[in-house]
Structure formats: C-alpha cells, structure tokens
C-alpha cells in the first residue's frame, strides 16, 4: 500500500503479524522521528499502525519533512 494524501495529511496503515511486531516497528519509527525532530500522529490497534503525517508549524499541511519521514518509515518495514 502506498501513502495517500487526504485532508492535508499523508496517510498509511501498516499491518503486522501481531502486537509485538507492531510495537517493535513503532519503537524503530520513534527513534527515526526523534532524530529528524518530526513526530508523527499515529495510532496502534493490535497488529496495525496507522499514520497521519503533516507539518504542524507549517499550518498542518504536507511538506517535504513529511515526505522524508514517510520514506524513512517505509525503510523500516
């Protein structure tokens, strides 16, 4: 599944084998996001992690920061 743009947000859902795998993925994303100083809006329900990326200090729109974070997130799967 590709990232989609909806309501000025990049969105994507990742599905994993179980909660532990999903949580491990979230931990990896947290480290990358902190290094980039660009923190996602995300949720986790059992084996799924859902992202909505936008740049808050740019007026909650999709910017290059969001695209770069999305690329890095994809590399972690």
Protein backbone atom coordinates (compact mmCIF):
# COMPACT_ATOMS: atom_id res chain seq x y z
CA UNK A 1 0.00 0.00 0.00
CA UNK A 2 1.22 3.48 -0.87
CA UNK A 3 0.94 6.64 1.14
CA UNK A 4 -2.20 8.59 0.27
CA UNK A 5 -2.94 12.28 0.68
CA UNK A 6 -6.22 13.11 2.36
CA UNK A 7 -7.27 16.27 4.21
CA UNK A 8 -3.75 17.73 4.01
CA UNK A 9 -2.21 14.60 5.58
CA UNK A 10 -0.10 11.73 4.29
CA UNK A 11 -1.80 8.54 5.47
CA UNK A 12 -0.84 4.90 5.58
CA UNK A 13 -1.75 1.77 7.54
CA UNK A 14 0.84 -0.93 8.24
CA UNK A 15 -0.29 -4.42 9.26
CA UNK A 16 1.94 -6.84 11.15
CA UNK A 17 1.81 -10.42 12.41
CA UNK A 18 0.87 -9.41 15.96
CA UNK A 19 1.02 -6.65 18.59
CA UNK A 20 4.66 -7.30 19.48
CA UNK A 21 5.79 -6.87 15.88
CA UNK A 22 3.70 -3.70 15.51
CA UNK A 23 5.10 -2.26 18.73
CA UNK A 24 8.66 -3.08 17.68
CA UNK A 25 8.07 -1.19 14.43
CA UNK A 26 6.73 1.79 16.39
CA UNK A 27 9.88 1.81 18.52
CA UNK A 28 12.05 1.98 15.39
CA UNK A 29 9.91 4.79 13.97
CA UNK A 30 10.15 6.71 17.26
CA UNK A 31 13.95 6.69 17.08
CA UNK A 32 13.98 7.93 13.46
CA UNK A 33 11.32 10.58 14.13
CA UNK A 34 13.21 11.91 17.14
CA UNK A 35 16.43 12.19 15.12
CA UNK A 36 14.51 14.08 12.42
CA UNK A 37 12.70 16.19 15.04
CA UNK A 38 9.47 15.43 13.19
CA UNK A 39 6.96 13.43 15.19
CA UNK A 40 4.05 11.57 13.58
CA UNK A 41 0.43 11.40 14.56
CA UNK A 42 -0.15 7.67 14.83
CA UNK A 43 -2.33 5.02 16.41
CA UNK A 44 -1.86 1.36 17.17
CA UNK A 45 -4.59 -1.24 17.42
CA UNK A 46 -3.30 -4.77 17.96
CA UNK A 47 -1.37 -5.54 14.76
CA UNK A 48 -1.96 -2.28 12.87
CA UNK A 49 -0.13 1.04 13.00
CA UNK A 50 -1.84 3.99 11.30
CA UNK A 51 -0.01 7.20 10.41
CA UNK A 52 -1.21 10.70 9.55
CA UNK A 53 1.70 12.97 8.69
CA UNK A 54 1.54 16.75 8.41
CA UNK A 55 3.77 19.60 9.47
CA UNK A 56 2.14 21.43 12.36
CA UNK A 57 4.32 24.55 12.26
CA UNK A 58 3.59 24.94 8.53
CA UNK A 59 -0.16 25.14 9.11
CA UNK A 60 -0.90 21.40 9.25
CA UNK A 61 -0.11 20.73 5.60
CA UNK A 62 2.05 18.10 3.93
CA UNK A 63 5.61 19.31 3.46
CA UNK A 64 8.91 17.81 2.39
CA UNK A 65 9.55 16.91 6.05
CA UNK A 66 6.51 14.61 5.91
CA UNK A 67 7.60 13.02 2.65
CA UNK A 68 11.09 12.36 4.04
CA UNK A 69 9.68 10.83 7.23
CA UNK A 70 7.33 8.65 5.16
CA UNK A 71 10.30 7.40 3.14
CA UNK A 72 12.21 6.56 6.31
CA UNK A 73 9.18 4.79 7.80
CA UNK A 74 8.86 2.65 4.67
CA UNK A 75 12.50 1.60 5.00
CA UNK A 76 11.81 0.17 8.48
CA UNK A 77 9.26 -2.41 7.38
